Amino acid sequence: MTVALVILSLLTARQVDAAPHTPENAPWNVNFETAHSPHDYYGEWPGHTYHPSPPDWRALSIYQLLTDRFADGEPRNNEAFAGGFDVRDMTFRHGGDFKGLTEKLPYIKGLGCEAIWISPIFQNGDNMYHQYAQHDFTLLDRRLG
């Protein structure tokens, strides 16, 4: 019975790992809800004009990329959070960011692509270049610029 309880507790245990809300994180926080109730989270983008989605995404040529691996436009943000930057090691972050991506948009358009699919943008594990190891879905990863 004891072994079954241990196994059950291991299978049902959840690890919660999120960034603390600190003044340092504030500029990167996209959540403006203050009651700490996740189902009430919301964001704002004052002065931004939203564009409608195309009627059928399948009709578009889409360029998919891992932002960290695409282009490093701002080397000063490579170590902005939690380290893990080393272009000599394929398992470490390589520094790609939105500035580098923006600089390469003419290249992508020149390939005939009409849309881009970027890797996730939220705060990520120390060394997770692929950005699919988010720690906090309310904080943008400052290493992306």
C-alpha atoms as a PDB file:
ATOM      1  CA  MET A   1       0.000   0.000   0.000  1.00  0.00           C
ATOM      2  CA  THR A   2       2.797   2.438   0.863  1.00  0.00           C
ATOM      3  CA  VAL A   3       4.582   1.885  -2.465  1.00  0.00           C
ATOM      4  CA  ALA A   4       1.314   2.538  -4.315  1.00  0.00           C
ATOM      5  CA  LEU A   5       0.847   5.841  -2.448  1.00  0.00           C
ATOM      6  CA  VAL A   6       4.399   6.935  -3.240  1.00  0.00           C
ATOM      7  CA  ILE A   7       3.942   6.124  -6.917  1.00  0.00           C
ATOM      8  CA  LEU A   8       0.577   7.881  -6.980  1.00  0.00           C
ATOM      9  CA  SER A   9       2.031  11.007  -5.339  1.00  0.00           C
ATOM     10  CA  LEU A  10       4.893  11.070  -7.848  1.00  0.00           C
ATOM     11  CA  LEU A  11       2.510  10.759 -10.762  1.00  0.00           C
ATOM     12  CA  THR A  12       0.199  13.502  -9.534  1.00  0.00           C
ATOM     13  CA  ALA A  13       2.808  15.956  -8.204  1.00  0.00           C
ATOM     14  CA  ARG A  14       3.115  19.215 -10.074  1.00  0.00           C
ATOM     15  CA  GLN A  15       6.040  21.577 -10.011  1.00  0.00           C
ATOM     16  CA  VAL A  16       5.163  25.229 -10.168  1.00  0.00           C
ATOM     17  CA  ASP A  17       7.985  27.380 -11.432  1.00  0.00           C
ATOM     18  CA  ALA A  18       7.291  31.019 -12.159  1.00  0.00           C
ATOM     19  CA  ALA A  19       9.214  34.240 -12.011  1.00  0.00           C
ATOM     20  CA  PRO A  20       8.651  36.493  -9.022  1.00  0.00           C
ATOM     21  CA  HIS A  21       6.924  39.784  -9.750  1.00  0.00           C
ATOM     22  CA  THR A  22       9.802  42.176  -9.096  1.00  0.00           C
ATOM     23  CA  PRO A  23      10.634  45.687 -10.331  1.00  0.00           C
ATOM     24  CA  GLU A  24      13.257  44.072 -12.591  1.00  0.00           C
ATOM     25  CA  ASN A  25      10.595  41.860 -14.226  1.00  0.00           C
ATOM     26  CA  ALA A  26       7.925  44.575 -14.460  1.00  0.00           C
ATOM     27  CA  PRO A  27       8.848  45.861 -17.952  1.00  0.00           C
ATOM     28  CA  TRP A  28       8.535  42.323 -19.317  1.00  0.00           C
ATOM     29  CA  ASN A  29       5.263  41.429 -17.582  1.00  0.00           C
ATOM     30  CA  VAL A  30       2.302  41.174 -19.964  1.00  0.00           C
ATOM     31  CA  ASN A  31      -0.301  40.513 -17.266  1.00  0.00           C
ATOM     32  CA  PHE A  32      -2.105  43.499 -15.760  1.00  0.00           C
ATOM     33  CA  GLU A  33      -4.446  41.567 -13.468  1.00  0.00           C
ATOM     34  CA  THR A  34      -3.487  42.166  -9.822  1.00  0.00           C
ATOM     35  CA  ALA A  35      -5.604  39.678  -7.848  1.00  0.00           C
ATOM     36  CA  HIS A  36      -3.355  36.729  -8.809  1.00  0.00           C
ATOM     37  CA  SER A  37      -6.250  34.855 -10.355  1.00  0.00           C
ATOM     38  CA  PRO A  38      -4.976  33.216 -13.573  1.00  0.00           C
ATOM     39  CA  HIS A  39      -8.390  32.941 -15.193  1.00  0.00           C
ATOM     40  CA  ASP A  40      -8.675  36.755 -14.991  1.00  0.00           C
ATOM     41  CA  TYR A  41      -5.289  37.558 -16.614  1.00  0.00           C
ATOM     42  CA  TYR A  42      -5.419  40.117 -19.392  1.00  0.00           C
ATOM     43  CA  GLY A  43      -2.952  42.220 -21.353  1.00  0.00           C
ATOM     44  CA  GLU A  44      -2.923  45.651 -22.931  1.00  0.00           C
ATOM     45  CA  TRP A  45      -1.132  47.202 -25.880  1.00  0.00           C
ATOM     46  CA  PRO A  46      -2.097  50.899 -25.924  1.00  0.00           C
ATOM     47  CA  GLY A  47      -1.950  52.569 -29.332  1.00  0.00           C
ATOM     48  CA  HIS A  48      -1.598  49.274 -31.229  1.00  0.00           C
ATOM     49  CA  THR A  49      -3.718  48.513 -34.270  1.00  0.00           C
ATOM     50  CA  TYR A  50      -4.648  44.870 -34.530  1.00  0.00           C
ATOM     51  CA  HIS A  51      -4.803  43.210 -37.924  1.00  0.00           C
ATOM     52  CA  PRO A  52      -7.308  40.454 -38.691  1.00  0.00           C
ATOM     53  CA  SER A  53      -6.131  36.924 -39.377  1.00  0.00           C
ATOM     54  CA  PRO A  54      -6.271  35.803 -42.993  1.00  0.00           C
ATOM     55  CA  PRO A  55      -9.386  33.840 -43.969  1.00  0.00           C
ATOM     56  CA  ASP A  56      -7.337  30.646 -44.466  1.00  0.00           C
ATOM     57  CA  TRP A  57      -3.796  30.251 -43.082  1.00  0.00           C
ATOM     58  CA  ARG A  58      -3.363  27.142 -45.230  1.00  0.00           C
ATOM     59  CA  ALA A  59      -3.278  29.383 -48.295  1.00  0.00           C
ATOM     60  CA  LEU A  60      -0.158  31.211 -47.070  1.00  0.00           C
ATOM     61  CA  SER A  61       3.494  30.298 -47.403  1.00  0.00           C
ATOM     62  CA  ILE A  62       4.752  30.344 -43.790  1.00  0.00           C
ATOM     63  CA  TYR A  63       8.411  30.528 -42.702  1.00  0.00           C
ATOM     64  CA  GLN A  64       8.908  28.768 -39.358  1.00  0.00           C
ATOM     65  CA  LEU A  65      11.958  29.518 -37.234  1.00  0.00           C
ATOM     66  CA  LEU A  66      13.504  29.239 -33.791  1.00  0.00           C
ATOM     67  CA  THR A  67      14.065  32.864 -32.853  1.00  0.00           C
ATOM     68  CA  ASP A  68      17.226  32.106 -30.858  1.00  0.00           C
ATOM     69  CA  ARG A  69      18.846  30.385 -33.843  1.00  0.00           C
ATOM     70  CA  PHE A  70      17.808  32.821 -36.580  1.00  0.00           C
ATOM     71  CA  ALA A  71      19.663  36.140 -36.168  1.00  0.00           C
ATOM     72  CA  ASP A  72      21.333  37.979 -33.273  1.00  0.00           C
ATOM     73  CA  GLY A  73      20.534  41.654 -33.778  1.00  0.00           C
ATOM     74  CA  GLU A  74      21.291  42.843 -30.233  1.00  0.00           C
ATOM     75  CA  PRO A  75      24.217  41.069 -28.532  1.00  0.00           C
ATOM     76  CA  ARG A  76      23.686  43.058 -25.303  1.00  0.00           C
ATOM     77  CA  ASN A  77      20.557  41.033 -24.446  1.00  0.00           C
ATOM     78  CA  ASN A  78      22.178  37.606 -24.820  1.00  0.00           C
ATOM     79  CA  GLU A  79      22.830  37.283 -21.088  1.00  0.00           C
ATOM     80  CA  ALA A  80      19.817  39.339 -19.964  1.00  0.00           C
ATOM     81  CA  PHE A  81      18.367  36.516 -17.897  1.00  0.00           C
ATOM     82  CA  ALA A  82      19.742  33.323 -16.360  1.00  0.00           C
ATOM     83  CA  GLY A  83      22.830  32.829 -18.513  1.00  0.00           C
ATOM     84  CA  GLY A  84      23.244  29.894 -20.853  1.00  0.00           C
ATOM     85  CA  PHE A  85      24.690  31.750 -23.870  1.00  0.00           C
ATOM     86  CA  ASP A  86      27.450  30.028 -25.864  1.00  0.00           C
ATOM     87  CA  VAL A  87      27.488  29.871 -29.674  1.00  0.00           C
ATOM     88  CA  ARG A  88      30.143  27.124 -29.576  1.00  0.00           C
ATOM     89  CA  ASP A  89      27.724  24.673 -27.957  1.00  0.00           C
ATOM     90  CA  MET A  90      24.657  23.603 -29.937  1.00  0.00           C
ATOM     91  CA  THR A  91      22.718  22.953 -26.712  1.00  0.00           C
ATOM     92  CA  PHE A  92      23.152  26.528 -25.428  1.00  0.00           C
ATOM     93  CA  ARG A  93      21.429  29.715 -26.479  1.00  0.00           C
ATOM     94  CA  HIS A  94      22.892  31.486 -29.526  1.00  0.00           C
ATOM     95  CA  GLY A  95      21.416  34.954 -29.025  1.00  0.00           C
ATOM     96  CA  GLY A  96      18.807  35.322 -31.750  1.00  0.00           C
ATOM     97  CA  ASP A  97      16.245  38.021 -31.007  1.00  0.00           C
ATOM     98  CA  PHE A  98      13.481  40.148 -32.490  1.00  0.00           C
ATOM     99  CA  LYS A  99      15.888  42.842 -33.674  1.00  0.00           C
ATOM    100  CA  GLY A 100      17.766  40.241 -35.702  1.00  0.00           C
ATOM    101  CA  LEU A 101      14.514  38.798 -37.005  1.00  0.00           C
ATOM    102  CA  THR A 102      13.257  42.260 -37.998  1.00  0.00           C
ATOM    103  CA  GLU A 103      16.478  42.912 -39.912  1.00  0.00           C
ATOM    104  CA  LYS A 104      15.967  39.655 -41.855  1.00  0.00           C
ATOM    105  CA  LEU A 105      12.304  40.216 -42.824  1.00  0.00           C
ATOM    106  CA  PRO A 106      13.251  41.328 -46.373  1.00  0.00           C
ATOM    107  CA  TYR A 107      15.122  38.015 -46.772  1.00  0.00           C
ATOM    108  CA  ILE A 108      12.053  36.028 -45.682  1.00  0.00           C
ATOM    109  CA  LYS A 109       9.775  38.060 -47.937  1.00  0.00           C
ATOM    110  CA  GLY A 110      12.221  37.534 -50.803  1.00  0.00           C
ATOM    111  CA  LEU A 111      11.754  33.777 -50.398  1.00  0.00           C
ATOM    112  CA  GLY A 112       8.068  34.310 -51.167  1.00  0.00           C
ATOM    113  CA  CYS A 113       6.868  33.778 -47.602  1.00  0.00           C
ATOM    114  CA  GLU A 114       3.822  35.723 -46.506  1.00  0.00           C
ATOM    115  CA  ALA A 115       3.900  34.953 -42.758  1.00  0.00           C
ATOM    116  CA  ILE A 116       6.326  33.828 -40.064  1.00  0.00           C
ATOM    117  CA  TRP A 117       5.870  31.336 -37.246  1.00  0.00           C
ATOM    118  CA  ILE A 118       8.230  32.149 -34.391  1.00  0.00           C
ATOM    119  CA  SER A 119       9.108  30.108 -31.328  1.00  0.00           C
ATOM    120  CA  PRO A 120       7.288  30.977 -28.064  1.00  0.00           C
ATOM    121  CA  ILE A 121       8.063  34.354 -26.496  1.00  0.00           C
ATOM    122  CA  PHE A 122       7.509  33.766 -22.771  1.00  0.00           C
ATOM    123  CA  GLN A 123      10.143  33.524 -20.052  1.00  0.00           C
ATOM    124  CA  ASN A 124      11.974  30.309 -20.582  1.00  0.00           C
ATOM    125  CA  GLY A 125      14.357  27.890 -18.906  1.00  0.00           C
ATOM    126  CA  ASP A 126      17.954  28.929 -18.394  1.00  0.00           C
ATOM    127  CA  ASN A 127      19.266  27.240 -21.478  1.00  0.00           C
ATOM    128  CA  MET A 128      16.236  26.387 -23.573  1.00  0.00           C
ATOM    129  CA  TYR A 129      17.041  27.940 -26.948  1.00  0.00           C
ATOM    130  CA  HIS A 130      13.900  26.443 -28.511  1.00  0.00           C
ATOM    131  CA  GLN A 131      11.714  28.514 -26.143  1.00  0.00           C
ATOM    132  CA  TYR A 132       9.331  25.596 -25.498  1.00  0.00           C
ATOM    133  CA  ALA A 133      10.159  25.400 -21.772  1.00  0.00           C
ATOM    134  CA  GLN A 134       8.193  28.383 -20.485  1.00  0.00           C
ATOM    135  CA  HIS A 135       8.325  29.121 -16.786  1.00  0.00           C
ATOM    136  CA  ASP A 136       5.818  31.937 -16.734  1.00  0.00           C
ATOM    137  CA  PHE A 137       3.206  32.710 -19.377  1.00  0.00           C
ATOM    138  CA  THR A 138       2.769  36.269 -18.095  1.00  0.00           C
ATOM    139  CA  LEU A 139       6.403  37.324 -18.563  1.00  0.00           C
ATOM    140  CA  LEU A 140       8.085  37.897 -21.902  1.00  0.00           C
ATOM    141  CA  ASP A 141      11.616  36.509 -22.261  1.00  0.00           C
ATOM    142  CA  ARG A 142      13.797  39.622 -22.153  1.00  0.00           C
ATOM    143  CA  ARG A 143      16.589  37.853 -24.064  1.00  0.00           C
ATOM    144  CA  LEU A 144      14.460  38.152 -27.201  1.00  0.00           C
ATOM    145  CA  GLY A 145      14.537  41.940 -27.016  1.00  0.00           C
END
